[in-house]
Amino acid sequence: MSETNLEIVRRAIKAFNGEDLDQALEWADPEIEWVVAREHPDAATHRGIDAVAAYLREWQDTLEDLRLEMARVVEVGDTVVTVGKMCGVGAGSGAPVEIPIAFVSYVREGRTVRVEEYLNQAHALRAVGLSQMDDV
């Protein structure tokens, strides 16, 4: 029995939170694209598993105890929207950090082919034609 897109994304988040980046990326298509939030100072599109892994490792190096706390994860067709926050502790400062974040993950044939990250939840919802999470 194959996993639903929702289950694939949830497993990836769980692996990421367990600091197992290799397992988190098992769900990714080899040619995955990861679009960094446009508000991020280093906004870019990373292509391929190695580039995405390097980007995610930068986050792990910047924030100790990094974890994604997803308040809602919903499936809209073959797309999964996750809304929550990224939490951790500043590696140099020791200051607690919480960043509101949302992801839109496009899944095809059991593989995530594209992830778009948003620092604005409303923008993520609009990307999939929703006005609010309760529309699902």
Foldseek 3Di string as FASTA:
>chain_A
DDDALLVLQVQLQVCVLVVNNVRSQPQADQFAWEFEAPVDPPTDIFTGSVRVSVVSVVVCQQFPSWHWDWPDWDDDPQKIKTWGWIWGAGPPPRHTDIQTKMWIFGHDPRHTRYIYMHSDSCVSQVVRPHRDPVVD
